[in-house]
C-alpha atoms as a PDB file:
ATOM      1  CA  MET A   1      31.806  -4.488 -61.465  1.00  0.00           C
ATOM      2  CA  LEU A   2      30.446  -3.512 -58.112  1.00  0.00           C
ATOM      3  CA  VAL A   3      27.259  -5.434 -58.770  1.00  0.00           C
ATOM      4  CA  ARG A   4      29.217  -8.580 -59.541  1.00  0.00           C
ATOM      5  CA  TYR A   5      31.921  -8.026 -56.898  1.00  0.00           C
ATOM      6  CA  PRO A   6      30.595  -5.630 -54.203  1.00  0.00           C
ATOM      7  CA  LEU A   7      32.950  -4.125 -51.731  1.00  0.00           C
ATOM      8  CA  HIS A   8      33.499  -6.074 -48.548  1.00  0.00           C
ATOM      9  CA  ALA A   9      31.320  -4.994 -45.552  1.00  0.00           C
ATOM     10  CA  ASN A  10      34.570  -4.096 -43.728  1.00  0.00           C
ATOM     11  CA  GLN A  11      35.749  -1.696 -46.493  1.00  0.00           C
ATOM     12  CA  HIS A  12      36.164   1.734 -44.881  1.00  0.00           C
ATOM     13  CA  ALA A  13      38.460   3.708 -47.243  1.00  0.00           C
ATOM     14  CA  TYR A  14      37.025   5.767 -50.072  1.00  0.00           C
ATOM     15  CA  LEU A  15      33.450   5.432 -48.959  1.00  0.00           C
ATOM     16  CA  ALA A  16      31.140   8.385 -47.937  1.00  0.00           C
ATOM     17  CA  GLY A  17      30.428   8.094 -44.063  1.00  0.00           C
ATOM     18  CA  ARG A  18      33.233   5.643 -43.461  1.00  0.00           C
ATOM     19  CA  SER A  19      36.678   6.307 -42.217  1.00  0.00           C
ATOM     20  CA  THR A  20      39.489   5.082 -39.845  1.00  0.00           C
ATOM     21  CA  ASP A  21      37.103   6.140 -37.058  1.00  0.00           C
ATOM     22  CA  THR A  22      34.353   3.875 -38.161  1.00  0.00           C
ATOM     23  CA  ALA A  23      36.831   0.984 -38.653  1.00  0.00           C
ATOM     24  CA  LEU A  24      38.215   1.475 -35.192  1.00  0.00           C
ATOM     25  CA  HIS A  25      34.648   1.812 -33.737  1.00  0.00           C
ATOM     26  CA  ASN A  26      33.699  -1.550 -35.268  1.00  0.00           C
ATOM     27  CA  LEU A  27      36.897  -3.265 -34.002  1.00  0.00           C
ATOM     28  CA  VAL A  28      36.328  -1.862 -30.493  1.00  0.00           C
ATOM     29  CA  SER A  29      32.689  -3.030 -30.546  1.00  0.00           C
ATOM     30  CA  LYS A  30      33.733  -6.579 -31.390  1.00  0.00           C
ATOM     31  CA  ILE A  31      36.339  -6.596 -28.631  1.00  0.00           C
ATOM     32  CA  GLU A  32      33.829  -5.223 -26.083  1.00  0.00           C
ATOM     33  CA  ARG A  33      31.323  -8.042 -27.048  1.00  0.00           C
ATOM     34  CA  ALA A  34      34.059 -10.631 -26.369  1.00  0.00           C
ATOM     35  CA  VAL A  35      34.822  -9.455 -22.875  1.00  0.00           C
ATOM     36  CA  PRO A  36      34.823 -12.649 -20.681  1.00  0.00           C
ATOM     37  CA  VAL A  37      31.415 -13.649 -19.444  1.00  0.00           C
ATOM     38  CA  ARG A  38      31.999 -16.191 -16.853  1.00  0.00           C
ATOM     39  CA  GLY A  39      35.381 -16.902 -18.551  1.00  0.00           C
ATOM     40  CA  LYS A  40      33.969 -18.390 -21.665  1.00  0.00           C
ATOM     41  CA  GLN A  41      34.838 -15.848 -24.386  1.00  0.00           C
ATOM     42  CA  TYR A  42      38.119 -14.525 -25.738  1.00  0.00           C
ATOM     43  CA  ALA A  43      39.326 -11.713 -27.874  1.00  0.00           C
ATOM     44  CA  LEU A  44      42.509 -12.079 -30.015  1.00  0.00           C
ATOM     45  CA  GLY A  45      43.896  -9.397 -32.140  1.00  0.00           C
ATOM     46  CA  VAL A  46      46.409  -9.730 -34.868  1.00  0.00           C
ATOM     47  CA  PHE A  47      47.641  -6.659 -36.654  1.00  0.00           C
ATOM     48  CA  LEU A  48      49.661  -6.743 -39.815  1.00  0.00           C
ATOM     49  CA  ASN A  49      51.199  -3.874 -41.676  1.00  0.00           C
ATOM     50  CA  ILE A  50      52.851  -4.639 -44.979  1.00  0.00           C
ATOM     51  CA  GLU A  51      54.858  -1.569 -45.812  1.00  0.00           C
ATOM     52  CA  GLY A  52      54.543  -0.632 -49.406  1.00  0.00           C
ATOM     53  CA  ALA A  53      52.344  -3.461 -50.280  1.00  0.00           C
ATOM     54  CA  PHE A  54      50.545  -1.620 -53.115  1.00  0.00           C
ATOM     55  CA  ASN A  55      53.640   0.342 -54.266  1.00  0.00           C
ATOM     56  CA  ASN A  56      55.722  -3.029 -54.648  1.00  0.00           C
ATOM     57  CA  ALA A  57      52.995  -4.978 -56.324  1.00  0.00           C
ATOM     58  CA  SER A  58      53.879  -5.610 -59.997  1.00  0.00           C
ATOM     59  CA  SER A  59      51.527  -4.212 -62.592  1.00  0.00           C
ATOM     60  CA  GLY A  60      51.417  -7.701 -64.189  1.00  0.00           C
ATOM     61  CA  SER A  61      50.046  -9.325 -60.888  1.00  0.00           C
ATOM     62  CA  LEU A  62      47.431  -6.550 -60.594  1.00  0.00           C
ATOM     63  CA  LEU A  63      46.374  -7.081 -64.105  1.00  0.00           C
ATOM     64  CA  ASN A  64      46.166 -10.847 -63.576  1.00  0.00           C
ATOM     65  CA  VAL A  65      43.720 -10.203 -60.605  1.00  0.00           C
ATOM     66  CA  LEU A  66      41.587  -8.196 -62.811  1.00  0.00           C
ATOM     67  CA  ARG A  67      41.395 -10.885 -65.452  1.00  0.00           C
ATOM     68  CA  SER A  68      40.621 -13.528 -62.809  1.00  0.00           C
ATOM     69  CA  LYS A  69      37.681 -11.254 -61.721  1.00  0.00           C
ATOM     70  CA  ARG A  70      36.548 -11.116 -65.316  1.00  0.00           C
ATOM     71  CA  VAL A  71      36.984  -7.302 -65.574  1.00  0.00           C
ATOM     72  CA  SER A  72      36.294  -6.268 -69.150  1.00  0.00           C
ATOM     73  CA  ASN A  73      39.326  -5.987 -71.548  1.00  0.00           C
ATOM     74  CA  THR A  74      38.543  -2.282 -72.082  1.00  0.00           C
ATOM     75  CA  VAL A  75      38.979  -1.546 -68.371  1.00  0.00           C
ATOM     76  CA  ILE A  76      42.024  -3.659 -68.071  1.00  0.00           C
ATOM     77  CA  ASP A  77      43.652  -1.933 -71.073  1.00  0.00           C
ATOM     78  CA  TRP A  78      42.781   1.483 -69.487  1.00  0.00           C
ATOM     79  CA  ILE A  79      44.367   0.414 -66.125  1.00  0.00           C
ATOM     80  CA  LYS A  80      47.359  -0.989 -67.831  1.00  0.00           C
ATOM     81  CA  SER A  81      47.888   2.223 -69.666  1.00  0.00           C
ATOM     82  CA  MET A  82      47.583   4.221 -66.422  1.00  0.00           C
ATOM     83  CA  LEU A  83      50.116   1.961 -64.680  1.00  0.00           C
ATOM     84  CA  SER A  84      52.718   1.942 -67.505  1.00  0.00           C
ATOM     85  CA  THR A  85      52.614   5.600 -68.230  1.00  0.00           C
ATOM     86  CA  ARG A  86      52.857   6.986 -64.751  1.00  0.00           C
ATOM     87  CA  ILE A  87      55.171   9.979 -64.295  1.00  0.00           C
ATOM     88  CA  ALA A  88      56.220  11.125 -60.793  1.00  0.00           C
ATOM     89  CA  ARG A  89      57.015  14.750 -60.360  1.00  0.00           C
ATOM     90  CA  ALA A  90      58.435  16.583 -57.277  1.00  0.00           C
ATOM     91  CA  THR A  91      58.609  20.326 -56.885  1.00  0.00           C
ATOM     92  CA  SER A  92      60.328  22.341 -54.184  1.00  0.00           C
ATOM     93  CA  GLY A  93      60.345  26.085 -54.690  1.00  0.00           C
ATOM     94  CA  ASP A  94      61.796  26.716 -58.185  1.00  0.00           C
ATOM     95  CA  THR A  95      63.216  23.165 -58.641  1.00  0.00           C
ATOM     96  CA  SER A  96      61.211  20.353 -60.294  1.00  0.00           C
ATOM     97  CA  LEU A  97      62.200  16.771 -60.735  1.00  0.00           C
ATOM     98  CA  LEU A  98      60.651  14.058 -63.051  1.00  0.00           C
END
């Protein structure tokens, strides 16, 4: 899949040698390059935080995206199984909840 659909160059999570620090460094570098030179360049930042975006996405919509990317049915079935059979557990001391 990564050969057909490689990760975006700005992907920083889950990659060795990349982190929030490298993401911030890249952003600051772009802003510094846009510091006005004779008043002809600008920097505009827009930041968006969609709280719970992944947690609130339906499994159907996620599976549809996988299909649109032509992910193999075997992988889609595996992901569908993982999404539909999740069990949340919480433990505090001697108390456990499912």
